[in-house]
């Protein structure tokens, strides 16, 4: 679940950042509700990436512990 949520947050962060830096306004859903600076969108991307990595590492750790992913 963390991985999926992290991926969605990454997409919103990168769309908002690219939209604000290279075009007139941010893209995605967040600019419709919040007026955030470009740095905040970059931070959202980083937070989403951290959540995605955390979810993937946790999933692999659980698989290794149960023996399902052991080779």
C-alpha atoms as a PDB file:
ATOM      1  CA  UNK A   1       0.000   0.000   0.000  1.00  0.00           C
ATOM      2  CA  UNK A   2       2.860   2.369   0.803  1.00  0.00           C
ATOM      3  CA  UNK A   3       4.363   1.730  -2.605  1.00  0.00           C
ATOM      4  CA  UNK A   4       1.174   2.618  -4.471  1.00  0.00           C
ATOM      5  CA  UNK A   5       0.584   5.717  -2.378  1.00  0.00           C
ATOM      6  CA  UNK A   6       4.222   6.750  -2.828  1.00  0.00           C
ATOM      7  CA  UNK A   7       3.939   6.341  -6.591  1.00  0.00           C
ATOM      8  CA  UNK A   8       0.818   8.551  -6.716  1.00  0.00           C
ATOM      9  CA  UNK A   9       2.498  11.217  -4.569  1.00  0.00           C
ATOM     10  CA  UNK A  10       5.576  11.081  -6.823  1.00  0.00           C
ATOM     11  CA  UNK A  11       3.436  11.669  -9.903  1.00  0.00           C
ATOM     12  CA  UNK A  12       1.624  14.615  -8.322  1.00  0.00           C
ATOM     13  CA  UNK A  13       4.906  16.128  -7.169  1.00  0.00           C
ATOM     14  CA  UNK A  14       6.655  15.848 -10.519  1.00  0.00           C
ATOM     15  CA  UNK A  15       3.621  17.106 -12.441  1.00  0.00           C
ATOM     16  CA  UNK A  16       3.273  20.120 -10.179  1.00  0.00           C
ATOM     17  CA  UNK A  17       6.995  20.893 -10.333  1.00  0.00           C
ATOM     18  CA  UNK A  18       7.318  20.585 -14.122  1.00  0.00           C
ATOM     19  CA  UNK A  19       4.123  22.549 -14.669  1.00  0.00           C
ATOM     20  CA  UNK A  20       5.233  25.439 -12.479  1.00  0.00           C
ATOM     21  CA  UNK A  21       8.837  25.586 -13.632  1.00  0.00           C
ATOM     22  CA  UNK A  22       8.400  25.155 -17.370  1.00  0.00           C
ATOM     23  CA  UNK A  23       4.792  26.263 -17.965  1.00  0.00           C
ATOM     24  CA  UNK A  24       2.313  28.759 -16.525  1.00  0.00           C
ATOM     25  CA  UNK A  25       0.892  26.706 -13.664  1.00  0.00           C
ATOM     26  CA  UNK A  26       1.170  23.330 -11.986  1.00  0.00           C
ATOM     27  CA  UNK A  27      -0.444  20.213 -13.390  1.00  0.00           C
ATOM     28  CA  UNK A  28      -2.271  17.453 -11.572  1.00  0.00           C
ATOM     29  CA  UNK A  29      -4.855  17.596  -8.815  1.00  0.00           C
ATOM     30  CA  UNK A  30      -2.949  19.440  -6.098  1.00  0.00           C
ATOM     31  CA  UNK A  31      -2.790  22.834  -7.870  1.00  0.00           C
ATOM     32  CA  UNK A  32      -6.592  22.864  -7.970  1.00  0.00           C
ATOM     33  CA  UNK A  33      -6.731  22.788  -4.163  1.00  0.00           C
ATOM     34  CA  UNK A  34      -3.433  24.254  -2.943  1.00  0.00           C
ATOM     35  CA  UNK A  35      -1.116  27.039  -4.060  1.00  0.00           C
ATOM     36  CA  UNK A  36       2.294  25.472  -3.437  1.00  0.00           C
ATOM     37  CA  UNK A  37       5.761  26.692  -4.461  1.00  0.00           C
ATOM     38  CA  UNK A  38       7.948  24.614  -6.774  1.00  0.00           C
ATOM     39  CA  UNK A  39      10.156  23.493  -3.898  1.00  0.00           C
ATOM     40  CA  UNK A  40       7.137  21.942  -2.169  1.00  0.00           C
ATOM     41  CA  UNK A  41       6.374  19.901  -5.284  1.00  0.00           C
ATOM     42  CA  UNK A  42       9.981  18.696  -5.367  1.00  0.00           C
ATOM     43  CA  UNK A  43       9.607  17.736  -1.704  1.00  0.00           C
ATOM     44  CA  UNK A  44       6.422  15.823  -2.490  1.00  0.00           C
ATOM     45  CA  UNK A  45       8.300  13.910  -5.172  1.00  0.00           C
ATOM     46  CA  UNK A  46      11.054  13.042  -2.687  1.00  0.00           C
ATOM     47  CA  UNK A  47       8.526  11.983  -0.036  1.00  0.00           C
ATOM     48  CA  UNK A  48       6.686   9.827  -2.569  1.00  0.00           C
ATOM     49  CA  UNK A  49       9.938   8.212  -3.669  1.00  0.00           C
ATOM     50  CA  UNK A  50      10.809   7.475  -0.043  1.00  0.00           C
ATOM     51  CA  UNK A  51       7.397   5.876   0.532  1.00  0.00           C
ATOM     52  CA  UNK A  52       7.717   3.772  -2.613  1.00  0.00           C
ATOM     53  CA  UNK A  53      11.187   2.534  -1.667  1.00  0.00           C
ATOM     54  CA  UNK A  54      10.107   1.860   1.919  1.00  0.00           C
ATOM     55  CA  UNK A  55       7.132  -0.184   0.701  1.00  0.00           C
ATOM     56  CA  UNK A  56       9.279  -2.182  -1.718  1.00  0.00           C
ATOM     57  CA  UNK A  57      11.994  -2.899   0.866  1.00  0.00           C
ATOM     58  CA  UNK A  58       9.376  -3.931   3.428  1.00  0.00           C
ATOM     59  CA  UNK A  59       7.674  -6.229   0.917  1.00  0.00           C
ATOM     60  CA  UNK A  60      11.001  -7.896   0.069  1.00  0.00           C
ATOM     61  CA  UNK A  61      11.879  -8.243   3.754  1.00  0.00           C
ATOM     62  CA  UNK A  62       8.565  -9.965   4.477  1.00  0.00           C
ATOM     63  CA  UNK A  63       9.000 -12.279   1.488  1.00  0.00           C
ATOM     64  CA  UNK A  64      12.494 -13.207   2.632  1.00  0.00           C
ATOM     65  CA  UNK A  65      11.315 -13.826   6.189  1.00  0.00           C
ATOM     66  CA  UNK A  66       8.537 -16.179   5.057  1.00  0.00           C
ATOM     67  CA  UNK A  67      10.758 -17.918   2.543  1.00  0.00           C
ATOM     68  CA  UNK A  68       8.586 -17.090  -0.460  1.00  0.00           C
ATOM     69  CA  UNK A  69      11.294 -15.069  -2.182  1.00  0.00           C
ATOM     70  CA  UNK A  70      14.305 -17.132  -1.109  1.00  0.00           C
ATOM     71  CA  UNK A  71      16.395 -18.636  -3.868  1.00  0.00           C
END
